[in-house]
């Protein structure tokens, strides 16, 4: 019976979104994100905010919608227009990706948002750190021992 219990603790059971930060090929942090989150950043040329809404779907991340303050060169405009927060234009996207790699700097002000928290990555990681966000299958022990990324209250 004890073997069955231990096997259950270490058997893969939960899909989770994992964020890792790398600088010069060294992992700085590893933490769990909620199944749904928003990437927010300031566009380097137009200086306007963009938001991408992601949801975990089994072993992929789905970009469900985007919110953009302005449209300019290179901004995709093929998605269906949807309601958006004030000051933004919303588009329905529904595009899957196995992972996200994101370079964060103070210039782009990269943040991860949930319903209740904000993680201002640009304030806590070294300049031009690479952030990796990907789904992973975790066992019970891993799921509860990898800390949540979102500890800072949303401003």
Protein backbone atom coordinates (compact mmCIF):
# COMPACT_ATOMS: atom_id res chain seq x y z
CA UNK A 1 0.00 0.00 0.00
CA UNK A 2 2.83 2.43 0.83
CA UNK A 3 4.35 1.80 -2.60
CA UNK A 4 1.05 2.67 -4.26
CA UNK A 5 0.82 5.92 -2.29
CA UNK A 6 4.38 6.91 -3.18
CA UNK A 7 3.82 6.02 -6.81
CA UNK A 8 0.79 8.32 -6.85
CA UNK A 9 2.83 11.21 -5.45
CA UNK A 10 5.46 10.89 -8.18
CA UNK A 11 3.25 9.90 -11.14
CA UNK A 12 2.56 12.73 -13.60
CA UNK A 13 -0.96 13.97 -12.94
CA UNK A 14 -1.22 17.74 -13.30
CA UNK A 15 -0.51 19.98 -16.26
CA UNK A 16 0.88 23.33 -15.17
CA UNK A 17 2.31 26.44 -16.79
CA UNK A 18 5.95 26.84 -15.76
CA UNK A 19 8.01 30.01 -16.04
CA UNK A 20 11.79 29.86 -16.01
CA UNK A 21 14.19 32.77 -16.29
CA UNK A 22 17.60 32.37 -17.87
CA UNK A 23 20.58 34.68 -17.99
CA UNK A 24 23.67 33.48 -19.82
CA UNK A 25 22.36 29.88 -19.71
CA UNK A 26 21.83 29.87 -15.93
CA UNK A 27 18.35 29.32 -14.55
CA UNK A 28 17.51 32.12 -12.12
CA UNK A 29 14.01 31.07 -11.16
CA UNK A 30 11.36 28.44 -11.78
CA UNK A 31 7.76 28.94 -10.72
CA UNK A 32 4.13 28.11 -11.60
CA UNK A 33 1.75 30.44 -13.42
CA UNK A 34 -2.03 30.11 -13.36
CA UNK A 35 -3.69 28.22 -16.23
CA UNK A 36 -4.78 31.58 -17.65
CA UNK A 37 -2.54 34.67 -17.74
CA UNK A 38 -1.83 37.84 -19.70
CA UNK A 39 1.52 39.01 -21.09
CA UNK A 40 1.67 42.82 -21.12
CA UNK A 41 4.41 45.00 -22.56
CA UNK A 42 5.10 48.38 -24.14
CA UNK A 43 5.82 48.32 -27.90
CA UNK A 44 9.37 49.51 -28.61
CA UNK A 45 8.46 51.90 -31.44
CA UNK A 46 4.91 53.08 -30.75
CA UNK A 47 5.33 53.10 -26.93
CA UNK A 48 1.79 51.72 -26.57
CA UNK A 49 0.79 48.71 -24.46
CA UNK A 50 -0.01 45.30 -25.90
CA UNK A 51 -1.66 42.47 -24.01
CA UNK A 52 -1.83 38.81 -25.04
CA UNK A 53 -4.25 36.50 -23.22
CA UNK A 54 -3.12 32.85 -22.88
CA UNK A 55 -4.88 29.72 -21.61
CA UNK A 56 -3.42 26.28 -20.88
CA UNK A 57 -5.02 23.56 -23.03
CA UNK A 58 -3.51 20.19 -22.04
CA UNK A 59 0.07 20.39 -23.35
CA UNK A 60 -0.07 23.68 -25.30
CA UNK A 61 -0.63 27.36 -24.61
CA UNK A 62 -3.41 29.00 -26.59
CA UNK A 63 -3.22 32.70 -27.42
CA UNK A 64 -6.96 33.35 -27.15
CA UNK A 65 -7.09 37.11 -27.70
CA UNK A 66 -5.04 40.28 -27.90
CA UNK A 67 -5.62 43.82 -26.70
CA UNK A 68 -3.64 46.53 -28.48
CA UNK A 69 -3.77 50.28 -27.86
CA UNK A 70 -2.88 51.24 -31.45
CA UNK A 71 -2.43 49.53 -34.79
CA UNK A 72 0.73 50.15 -36.77
CA UNK A 73 3.11 48.44 -39.15
CA UNK A 74 3.40 44.72 -38.49
CA UNK A 75 0.37 44.47 -36.20
CA UNK A 76 -1.75 41.47 -37.23
CA UNK A 77 -5.33 42.45 -38.03
CA UNK A 78 -6.86 39.17 -39.19
CA UNK A 79 -8.62 38.29 -35.93
CA UNK A 80 -12.29 38.95 -35.20
CA UNK A 81 -12.82 42.23 -33.31
CA UNK A 82 -14.03 41.68 -29.73
CA UNK A 83 -14.78 43.88 -26.72
CA UNK A 84 -11.70 45.15 -24.93
CA UNK A 85 -10.65 47.19 -21.90
CA UNK A 86 -11.06 50.94 -22.37
CA UNK A 87 -8.32 52.36 -24.60
CA UNK A 88 -7.62 49.03 -26.33
CA UNK A 89 -8.80 47.24 -29.48
CA UNK A 90 -9.49 43.53 -28.95
CA UNK A 91 -9.04 40.64 -31.37
CA UNK A 92 -9.97 36.97 -31.09
CA UNK A 93 -6.94 34.86 -32.09
CA UNK A 94 -7.08 31.20 -30.84
CA UNK A 95 -3.55 30.20 -31.90
CA UNK A 96 -1.67 27.36 -30.15
CA UNK A 97 2.01 27.36 -29.26
CA UNK A 98 4.12 24.81 -27.34
CA UNK A 99 6.06 27.53 -25.49
CA UNK A 100 6.77 31.23 -25.25
CA UNK A 101 10.25 32.76 -25.18
CA UNK A 102 10.28 36.41 -24.18
CA UNK A 103 13.15 38.87 -23.68
CA UNK A 104 12.34 41.29 -20.86
CA UNK A 105 13.80 44.76 -20.36
CA UNK A 106 12.93 47.99 -18.56
CA UNK A 107 12.25 49.58 -21.96
CA UNK A 108 9.40 47.18 -22.78
CA UNK A 109 8.13 46.89 -19.19
CA UNK A 110 7.16 43.20 -19.45
CA UNK A 111 4.55 42.01 -16.94
CA UNK A 112 2.47 38.90 -16.36
CA UNK A 113 -1.07 39.53 -15.11
CA UNK A 114 -3.69 37.29 -13.57
CA UNK A 115 -7.12 38.22 -12.24
CA UNK A 116 -5.62 39.21 -8.88
CA UNK A 117 -1.85 39.62 -9.29
CA UNK A 118 0.82 41.37 -11.35
CA UNK A 119 4.35 40.07 -11.81
CA UNK A 120 6.48 43.00 -13.04
CA UNK A 121 9.29 40.93 -14.52
CA UNK A 122 11.18 43.97 -15.80
CA UNK A 123 11.66 45.11 -12.19
CA UNK A 124 13.00 41.81 -10.84
CA UNK A 125 15.08 40.08 -13.54
CA UNK A 126 18.37 41.32 -15.01
CA UNK A 127 18.06 43.49 -18.13
CA UNK A 128 17.40 41.45 -21.31
CA UNK A 129 16.73 38.22 -19.44
CA UNK A 130 15.09 35.47 -21.45
CA UNK A 131 11.82 34.19 -20.00
CA UNK A 132 10.47 30.77 -20.99
CA UNK A 133 6.83 29.88 -20.42
CA UNK A 134 5.70 26.36 -21.22
CA UNK A 135 3.26 23.66 -20.13
CA UNK A 136 4.73 20.78 -18.16
CA UNK A 137 3.22 17.66 -16.72
CA UNK A 138 3.96 17.59 -13.00
CA UNK A 139 3.44 14.98 -10.35
CA UNK A 140 1.63 15.81 -7.11
CA UNK A 141 4.86 16.56 -5.23
CA UNK A 142 6.23 18.88 -7.96
CA UNK A 143 2.90 20.68 -8.37
CA UNK A 144 2.80 21.68 -4.71
CA UNK A 145 6.53 22.34 -4.26
CA UNK A 146 7.14 24.60 -7.26
CA UNK A 147 6.14 28.04 -5.93
CA UNK A 148 3.58 30.32 -7.53
CA UNK A 149 5.06 33.14 -9.61
CA UNK A 150 2.33 35.58 -8.67
CA UNK A 151 2.92 36.76 -5.13
CA UNK A 152 2.88 40.53 -5.70
CA UNK A 153 -0.55 42.19 -5.43
CA UNK A 154 -1.86 43.77 -8.61
CA UNK A 155 -1.45 47.54 -8.62
